[in-house]
C-alpha atoms as a PDB file:
ATOM      1  CA  MET A   1      -8.949  31.468  -5.713  1.00  0.00           C
ATOM      2  CA  ARG A   2      -8.458  34.815  -7.235  1.00  0.00           C
ATOM      3  CA  HIS A   3      -8.649  37.836  -5.018  1.00  0.00           C
ATOM      4  CA  SER A   4      -9.689  41.227  -6.391  1.00  0.00           C
ATOM      5  CA  TYR A   5      -8.227  44.257  -4.776  1.00  0.00           C
ATOM      6  CA  SER A   6      -7.848  48.014  -5.331  1.00  0.00           C
ATOM      7  CA  HIS A   7      -5.455  50.590  -4.088  1.00  0.00           C
ATOM      8  CA  SER A   8      -5.651  54.394  -3.980  1.00  0.00           C
ATOM      9  CA  VAL A   9      -2.909  56.875  -4.607  1.00  0.00           C
ATOM     10  CA  PRO A  10      -2.865  59.560  -1.892  1.00  0.00           C
ATOM     11  CA  ARG A  11      -3.344  63.090  -3.097  1.00  0.00           C
ATOM     12  CA  ASN A  12      -0.336  65.342  -2.973  1.00  0.00           C
ATOM     13  CA  GLU A  13      -0.733  68.279  -0.632  1.00  0.00           C
ATOM     14  CA  GLN A  14      -0.862  71.678  -2.349  1.00  0.00           C
ATOM     15  CA  THR A  15       2.482  73.439  -2.116  1.00  0.00           C
ATOM     16  CA  ALA A  16       1.299  76.824  -3.321  1.00  0.00           C
ATOM     17  CA  ALA A  17      -1.845  78.877  -2.891  1.00  0.00           C
ATOM     18  CA  ALA A  18      -4.127  79.180  -5.909  1.00  0.00           C
ATOM     19  CA  PRO A  19      -4.009  82.511  -7.730  1.00  0.00           C
ATOM     20  CA  SER A  20      -6.780  84.956  -7.026  1.00  0.00           C
ATOM     21  CA  SER A  21      -7.761  85.306 -10.687  1.00  0.00           C
ATOM     22  CA  GLY A  22      -9.498  82.614 -12.735  1.00  0.00           C
ATOM     23  CA  CYS A  23      -6.722  82.449 -15.368  1.00  0.00           C
ATOM     24  CA  LEU A  24      -3.277  80.819 -15.295  1.00  0.00           C
ATOM     25  CA  SER A  25      -0.499  83.224 -14.568  1.00  0.00           C
ATOM     26  CA  GLY A  26       2.411  83.686 -16.927  1.00  0.00           C
ATOM     27  CA  PHE A  27       4.621  81.969 -14.387  1.00  0.00           C
ATOM     28  CA  VAL A  28       2.637  78.710 -14.382  1.00  0.00           C
ATOM     29  CA  LEU A  29       2.051  78.351 -18.147  1.00  0.00           C
ATOM     30  CA  PRO A  30       5.594  77.574 -19.389  1.00  0.00           C
ATOM     31  CA  PRO A  31       6.175  74.599 -17.061  1.00  0.00           C
ATOM     32  CA  LEU A  32       2.727  73.241 -17.940  1.00  0.00           C
ATOM     33  CA  ALA A  33       3.403  73.601 -21.654  1.00  0.00           C
ATOM     34  CA  VAL A  34       6.694  71.717 -21.289  1.00  0.00           C
ATOM     35  CA  LEU A  35       4.916  68.941 -19.419  1.00  0.00           C
ATOM     36  CA  VAL A  36       2.214  68.578 -22.099  1.00  0.00           C
ATOM     37  CA  VAL A  37       4.737  68.506 -24.958  1.00  0.00           C
ATOM     38  CA  GLY A  38       6.892  65.973 -23.119  1.00  0.00           C
ATOM     39  CA  CYS A  39       3.945  63.636 -22.538  1.00  0.00           C
ATOM     40  CA  PHE A  40       2.947  63.895 -26.209  1.00  0.00           C
ATOM     41  CA  LEU A  41       6.461  62.985 -27.406  1.00  0.00           C
ATOM     42  CA  LEU A  42       6.674  60.060 -24.988  1.00  0.00           C
ATOM     43  CA  PHE A  43       3.316  58.698 -26.183  1.00  0.00           C
ATOM     44  CA  TYR A  44       4.311  59.118 -29.844  1.00  0.00           C
ATOM     45  CA  VAL A  45       7.679  57.392 -29.474  1.00  0.00           C
ATOM     46  CA  SER A  46       6.269  54.498 -27.451  1.00  0.00           C
ATOM     47  CA  GLY A  47       3.713  53.864 -30.178  1.00  0.00           C
ATOM     48  CA  LEU A  48       6.400  53.343 -32.820  1.00  0.00           C
ATOM     49  CA  SER A  49       7.470  49.937 -31.538  1.00  0.00           C
ATOM     50  CA  GLU A  50       5.400  46.863 -30.802  1.00  0.00           C
ATOM     51  CA  PRO A  51       5.417  45.847 -27.155  1.00  0.00           C
ATOM     52  CA  THR A  52       7.224  42.598 -26.468  1.00  0.00           C
ATOM     53  CA  MET A  53       4.781  40.022 -25.082  1.00  0.00           C
ATOM     54  CA  PRO A  54       6.106  37.223 -22.873  1.00  0.00           C
ATOM     55  CA  VAL A  55       5.983  33.824 -24.534  1.00  0.00           C
ATOM     56  CA  PRO A  56       3.776  31.499 -22.477  1.00  0.00           C
ATOM     57  CA  GLU A  57       5.563  28.438 -21.188  1.00  0.00           C
ATOM     58  CA  GLU A  58       4.095  25.216 -22.567  1.00  0.00           C
ATOM     59  CA  PRO A  59       3.018  22.568 -20.038  1.00  0.00           C
ATOM     60  CA  PRO A  60       5.138  19.408 -19.973  1.00  0.00           C
ATOM     61  CA  SER A  61       4.075  16.755 -22.449  1.00  0.00           C
ATOM     62  CA  VAL A  62       2.642  13.417 -21.416  1.00  0.00           C
ATOM     63  CA  GLU A  63       5.829  11.737 -22.652  1.00  0.00           C
ATOM     64  CA  ALA A  64       7.995  13.990 -20.489  1.00  0.00           C
ATOM     65  CA  LEU A  65       6.012  13.046 -17.416  1.00  0.00           C
ATOM     66  CA  SER A  66       6.308   9.301 -18.002  1.00  0.00           C
ATOM     67  CA  GLY A  67       9.600   9.213 -16.114  1.00  0.00           C
ATOM     68  CA  ALA A  68       7.723   9.863 -12.872  1.00  0.00           C
ATOM     69  CA  LEU A  69       6.901   6.162 -12.576  1.00  0.00           C
ATOM     70  CA  SER A  70       9.110   3.580 -10.939  1.00  0.00           C
ATOM     71  CA  PRO A  71      10.470   0.946 -13.361  1.00  0.00           C
ATOM     72  CA  ILE A  72       9.074  -1.901 -11.250  1.00  0.00           C
ATOM     73  CA  PHE A  73       5.614  -1.842 -12.852  1.00  0.00           C
ATOM     74  CA  THR A  74       4.719  -4.211 -15.671  1.00  0.00           C
ATOM     75  CA  PRO A  75       4.845  -3.047 -19.314  1.00  0.00           C
ATOM     76  CA  GLU A  76       1.053  -2.824 -19.417  1.00  0.00           C
ATOM     77  CA  VAL A  77       1.032  -0.241 -16.624  1.00  0.00           C
ATOM     78  CA  GLN A  78       4.119   1.520 -17.995  1.00  0.00           C
ATOM     79  CA  HIS A  79       2.114   1.961 -21.210  1.00  0.00           C
ATOM     80  CA  TRP A  80       0.006   4.504 -19.297  1.00  0.00           C
ATOM     81  CA  GLY A  81       2.982   6.168 -17.583  1.00  0.00           C
ATOM     82  CA  GLY A  82       2.543   9.673 -18.960  1.00  0.00           C
ATOM     83  CA  GLN A  83      -1.202   9.687 -18.442  1.00  0.00           C
ATOM     84  CA  ILE A  84      -0.843   8.356 -14.897  1.00  0.00           C
ATOM     85  CA  ALA A  85       1.448  11.275 -14.060  1.00  0.00           C
ATOM     86  CA  VAL A  86      -1.105  13.766 -15.399  1.00  0.00           C
ATOM     87  CA  TRP A  87      -4.097  12.073 -13.745  1.00  0.00           C
ATOM     88  CA  ALA A  88      -2.288  11.732 -10.421  1.00  0.00           C
ATOM     89  CA  ALA A  89      -1.257  15.400 -10.459  1.00  0.00           C
ATOM     90  CA  SER A  90      -4.878  16.424 -11.063  1.00  0.00           C
ATOM     91  CA  ALA A  91      -6.043  14.262  -8.164  1.00  0.00           C
ATOM     92  CA  GLY A  92      -3.215  15.307  -5.859  1.00  0.00           C
ATOM     93  CA  VAL A  93      -1.789  11.829  -5.312  1.00  0.00           C
ATOM     94  CA  ASP A  94       1.610  10.230  -5.879  1.00  0.00           C
ATOM     95  CA  PRO A  95       1.785   8.761  -9.420  1.00  0.00           C
ATOM     96  CA  ASN A  96       3.443   5.622  -8.046  1.00  0.00           C
ATOM     97  CA  LEU A  97       0.513   5.164  -5.677  1.00  0.00           C
ATOM     98  CA  ALA A  98      -1.906   5.542  -8.586  1.00  0.00           C
ATOM     99  CA  ALA A  99       0.146   3.075 -10.639  1.00  0.00           C
ATOM    100  CA  THR A 100       0.093   0.565  -7.793  1.00  0.00           C
ATOM    101  CA  VAL A 101      -3.702   0.684  -7.712  1.00  0.00           C
ATOM    102  CA  MET A 102      -3.907   0.299 -11.494  1.00  0.00           C
ATOM    103  CA  GLN A 103      -1.446  -2.612 -11.355  1.00  0.00           C
ATOM    104  CA  ILE A 104      -3.567  -4.553  -8.888  1.00  0.00           C
ATOM    105  CA  GLU A 105      -6.950  -3.560 -10.256  1.00  0.00           C
ATOM    106  CA  SER A 106      -6.565  -4.049 -14.015  1.00  0.00           C
ATOM    107  CA  CYS A 107      -2.882  -4.301 -14.948  1.00  0.00           C
ATOM    108  CA  GLY A 108      -3.604  -1.492 -17.388  1.00  0.00           C
ATOM    109  CA  ASP A 109      -6.612  -3.066 -19.148  1.00  0.00           C
ATOM    110  CA  PRO A 110      -9.050  -0.211 -19.928  1.00  0.00           C
ATOM    111  CA  LEU A 111     -11.846  -2.720 -20.678  1.00  0.00           C
ATOM    112  CA  ALA A 112     -11.446  -4.783 -17.514  1.00  0.00           C
ATOM    113  CA  ARG A 113     -14.646  -5.662 -15.669  1.00  0.00           C
ATOM    114  CA  SER A 114     -14.933  -7.660 -12.468  1.00  0.00           C
ATOM    115  CA  SER A 115     -17.647 -10.096 -11.444  1.00  0.00           C
ATOM    116  CA  ALA A 116     -18.821  -7.439  -8.957  1.00  0.00           C
ATOM    117  CA  GLY A 117     -19.309  -4.949 -11.805  1.00  0.00           C
ATOM    118  CA  ALA A 118     -16.212  -2.774 -11.254  1.00  0.00           C
ATOM    119  CA  ILE A 119     -15.109  -1.105 -14.489  1.00  0.00           C
ATOM    120  CA  GLY A 120     -11.967  -0.057 -16.318  1.00  0.00           C
ATOM    121  CA  LEU A 121      -8.416   0.848 -15.429  1.00  0.00           C
ATOM    122  CA  PHE A 122      -9.125   1.601 -11.776  1.00  0.00           C
ATOM    123  CA  GLN A 123     -12.052  -0.815 -11.397  1.00  0.00           C
ATOM    124  CA  VAL A 124     -14.529   1.846 -10.380  1.00  0.00           C
ATOM    125  CA  MET A 125     -18.023   0.802  -9.339  1.00  0.00           C
ATOM    126  CA  PRO A 126     -20.819   2.113 -11.617  1.00  0.00           C
ATOM    127  CA  PHE A 127     -22.446   4.309  -8.954  1.00  0.00           C
ATOM    128  CA  HIS A 128     -19.371   6.556  -8.869  1.00  0.00           C
ATOM    129  CA  PHE A 129     -19.992   7.755 -12.427  1.00  0.00           C
ATOM    130  CA  ASP A 130     -22.265  10.548 -13.633  1.00  0.00           C
ATOM    131  CA  VAL A 131     -25.091   9.747 -16.045  1.00  0.00           C
ATOM    132  CA  LEU A 132     -23.223  11.078 -19.084  1.00  0.00           C
ATOM    133  CA  ASP A 133     -19.869   9.492 -18.182  1.00  0.00           C
ATOM    134  CA  ASN A 134     -18.266   6.789 -20.289  1.00  0.00           C
ATOM    135  CA  PRO A 135     -16.882   4.489 -17.560  1.00  0.00           C
ATOM    136  CA  TYR A 136     -14.424   2.883 -19.995  1.00  0.00           C
ATOM    137  CA  ASP A 137     -12.894   6.189 -21.054  1.00  0.00           C
ATOM    138  CA  PRO A 138      -9.434   6.070 -19.432  1.00  0.00           C
ATOM    139  CA  ALA A 139      -9.370   9.699 -18.302  1.00  0.00           C
ATOM    140  CA  THR A 140     -12.893   9.543 -16.870  1.00  0.00           C
ATOM    141  CA  ASN A 141     -12.206   6.255 -15.126  1.00  0.00           C
ATOM    142  CA  ALA A 142      -8.982   7.645 -13.671  1.00  0.00           C
ATOM    143  CA  ALA A 143     -10.678  10.839 -12.481  1.00  0.00           C
ATOM    144  CA  ARG A 144     -13.344   8.909 -10.566  1.00  0.00           C
ATOM    145  CA  GLY A 145     -10.977   6.259  -9.217  1.00  0.00           C
ATOM    146  CA  LEU A 146      -8.246   8.628  -8.096  1.00  0.00           C
ATOM    147  CA  ALA A 147     -10.747  11.009  -6.514  1.00  0.00           C
ATOM    148  CA  TYR A 148     -11.843   8.106  -4.342  1.00  0.00           C
ATOM    149  CA  LEU A 149      -8.229   7.196  -3.595  1.00  0.00           C
ATOM    150  CA  ARG A 150      -7.556  10.792  -2.539  1.00  0.00           C
ATOM    151  CA  LYS A 151     -10.610  10.694  -0.285  1.00  0.00           C
ATOM    152  CA  ALA A 152      -9.365   7.458   1.267  1.00  0.00           C
ATOM    153  CA  LEU A 153      -5.939   9.000   1.859  1.00  0.00           C
ATOM    154  CA  GLU A 154      -7.476  12.011   3.573  1.00  0.00           C
ATOM    155  CA  ARG A 155      -9.624   9.809   5.795  1.00  0.00           C
ATOM    156  CA  ALA A 156      -6.545   7.711   6.611  1.00  0.00           C
ATOM    157  CA  GLY A 157      -4.469  10.741   7.573  1.00  0.00           C
ATOM    158  CA  GLY A 158      -2.053  10.101   4.709  1.00  0.00           C
ATOM    159  CA  LYS A 159      -1.333   6.487   5.716  1.00  0.00           C
ATOM    160  CA  TYR A 160      -1.252   4.683   2.406  1.00  0.00           C
ATOM    161  CA  LEU A 161      -1.728   1.228   3.947  1.00  0.00           C
ATOM    162  CA  LEU A 162      -5.107   2.320   5.283  1.00  0.00           C
ATOM    163  CA  ALA A 163      -5.866   4.078   1.996  1.00  0.00           C
ATOM    164  CA  PHE A 164      -5.460   0.764   0.163  1.00  0.00           C
ATOM    165  CA  ALA A 165      -7.923  -0.800   2.590  1.00  0.00           C
ATOM    166  CA  GLY A 166     -10.380   2.024   2.007  1.00  0.00           C
ATOM    167  CA  TYR A 167     -10.051   1.803  -1.760  1.00  0.00           C
ATOM    168  CA  ASN A 168     -10.821  -1.906  -1.777  1.00  0.00           C
ATOM    169  CA  GLY A 169     -13.264  -2.293   1.085  1.00  0.00           C
ATOM    170  CA  GLY A 170     -14.862   1.137   1.199  1.00  0.00           C
ATOM    171  CA  ILE A 171     -13.720   4.156   3.154  1.00  0.00           C
ATOM    172  CA  GLY A 172     -15.727   2.996   6.157  1.00  0.00           C
ATOM    173  CA  VAL A 173     -13.231   0.208   6.886  1.00  0.00           C
ATOM    174  CA  ILE A 174     -10.468   2.711   7.641  1.00  0.00           C
ATOM    175  CA  GLY A 175     -11.768   3.306  11.154  1.00  0.00           C
ATOM    176  CA  ARG A 176     -12.174  -0.390  11.936  1.00  0.00           C
ATOM    177  CA  SER A 177      -9.734  -2.865  13.397  1.00  0.00           C
ATOM    178  CA  GLU A 178      -7.750  -4.756  10.779  1.00  0.00           C
ATOM    179  CA  SER A 179      -9.118  -7.988  12.262  1.00  0.00           C
ATOM    180  CA  LEU A 180     -12.562  -6.924  11.033  1.00  0.00           C
ATOM    181  CA  TRP A 181     -11.470  -6.374   7.428  1.00  0.00           C
ATOM    182  CA  ALA A 182     -12.613  -8.847   4.794  1.00  0.00           C
ATOM    183  CA  SER A 183      -9.962 -11.339   3.708  1.00  0.00           C
ATOM    184  CA  GLU A 184      -9.976  -9.784   0.230  1.00  0.00           C
ATOM    185  CA  THR A 185      -9.178  -6.379   1.719  1.00  0.00           C
ATOM    186  CA  ARG A 186      -6.323  -7.800   3.797  1.00  0.00           C
ATOM    187  CA  ARG A 187      -4.846  -9.425   0.681  1.00  0.00           C
ATOM    188  CA  TYR A 188      -5.270  -6.185  -1.267  1.00  0.00           C
ATOM    189  CA  VAL A 189      -3.402  -4.246   1.407  1.00  0.00           C
ATOM    190  CA  TYR A 190      -0.639  -6.868   1.442  1.00  0.00           C
ATOM    191  CA  TRP A 191      -0.100  -6.547  -2.310  1.00  0.00           C
ATOM    192  CA  GLY A 192      -0.525  -2.789  -2.451  1.00  0.00           C
ATOM    193  CA  GLU A 193       1.639  -1.940   0.535  1.00  0.00           C
ATOM    194  CA  GLY A 194       4.516  -4.113  -0.674  1.00  0.00           C
ATOM    195  CA  ILE A 195       4.422  -3.010  -4.313  1.00  0.00           C
ATOM    196  CA  TYR A 196       4.194   0.672  -3.411  1.00  0.00           C
ATOM    197  CA  ALA A 197       7.028   0.390  -0.881  1.00  0.00           C
ATOM    198  CA  ASP A 198       9.224  -1.169  -3.567  1.00  0.00           C
ATOM    199  CA  ALA A 199       8.247   1.573  -6.032  1.00  0.00           C
ATOM    200  CA  VAL A 200       9.210   4.472  -3.787  1.00  0.00           C
ATOM    201  CA  SER A 201      12.366   2.835  -2.409  1.00  0.00           C
ATOM    202  CA  GLY A 202      14.205   3.146  -5.718  1.00  0.00           C
ATOM    203  CA  ARG A 203      14.190  -0.564  -6.531  1.00  0.00           C
ATOM    204  CA  THR A 204      14.347  -1.665 -10.146  1.00  0.00           C
ATOM    205  CA  GLU A 205      12.354  -4.821  -9.402  1.00  0.00           C
ATOM    206  CA  SER A 206       9.625  -5.627  -6.907  1.00  0.00           C
ATOM    207  CA  PRO A 207       9.588  -8.991  -5.110  1.00  0.00           C
ATOM    208  CA  ARG A 208       6.014  -8.300  -3.973  1.00  0.00           C
ATOM    209  CA  LEU A 209       4.898  -7.578  -7.529  1.00  0.00           C
ATOM    210  CA  GLN A 210       6.484 -10.815  -8.719  1.00  0.00           C
ATOM    211  CA  GLU A 211       4.636 -12.606  -5.947  1.00  0.00           C
ATOM    212  CA  TRP A 212       1.370 -10.989  -7.070  1.00  0.00           C
ATOM    213  CA  LEU A 213       1.976 -12.089 -10.662  1.00  0.00           C
ATOM    214  CA  ALA A 214       2.630 -15.658  -9.547  1.00  0.00           C
ATOM    215  CA  ALA A 215      -0.535 -15.634  -7.432  1.00  0.00           C
ATOM    216  CA  GLY A 216      -2.751 -14.912 -10.454  1.00  0.00           C
ATOM    217  CA  GLY A 217      -1.916 -11.398 -11.576  1.00  0.00           C
ATOM    218  CA  ALA A 218      -0.085 -12.703 -14.649  1.00  0.00           C
ATOM    219  CA  SER A 219      -3.344 -13.785 -16.307  1.00  0.00           C
ATOM    220  CA  LEU A 220      -4.779 -10.296 -15.792  1.00  0.00           C
ATOM    221  CA  CYS A 221      -1.672  -8.797 -17.384  1.00  0.00           C
ATOM    222  CA  ARG A 222      -1.830 -11.171 -20.359  1.00  0.00           C
ATOM    223  CA  GLN A 223      -5.353  -9.978 -21.078  1.00  0.00           C
ATOM    224  CA  ALA A 224      -4.269  -6.328 -20.760  1.00  0.00           C
ATOM    225  CA  HIS A 225      -1.269  -6.974 -23.002  1.00  0.00           C
ATOM    226  CA  GLN A 226      -3.504  -8.309 -25.776  1.00  0.00           C
ATOM    227  CA  ARG A 227      -6.086  -5.543 -25.505  1.00  0.00           C
ATOM    228  CA  LEU A 228      -3.429  -2.839 -25.583  1.00  0.00           C
ATOM    229  CA  GLY A 229      -1.865  -4.419 -28.667  1.00  0.00           C
ATOM    230  CA  LEU A 230       1.598  -4.490 -27.119  1.00  0.00           C
ATOM    231  CA  GLN A 231       4.410  -6.432 -28.686  1.00  0.00           C
ATOM    232  CA  PRO A 232       5.095  -9.877 -27.091  1.00  0.00           C
END
């Protein structure tokens, strides 16, 4: 938030009494004339040269930000690396956390749709979109999905395991015992917690991600690979 403020310059106290007459005395005029001439010369000289304006610094490109992602994610998710960094920064979440959600939800397929009606890269339910939104637009889908992820993180006190549960099962599950979570939510947390832990630990490969692929994630990634037009 911008704050407006003002400051006042204190008046200097008079150091000499004003003359009794209404005109300037001969003693005061010469110093005043020197001051006026000096100000005129300073103004004239300063106007001869163009002021040097600072060159605004350009924001980092999407490509430059792509290195923020761990190498463990599949090529389909890496395809969105630069955008994930930008979207995650806007939402205030770790890009590797955002990538983990994308990995599990769609494997980078912007046209993915679940049997429950969840849409796009982050599998966002239709009621999270505004009337004029295009749910399949990657940036719009990311904005809605990551806003919900951020909300889940805040409700979970920053505990990403609980945030995964909230993202999948609804934020209301965060305050419940894990034994009361749906089996789908428990599986989601298992995949998400393991993949994210591997991503932030500096690993170059993720055993949990490989397990997820073997459990059915590979078919999701094959579909994403085709839709993104990536090379085999």
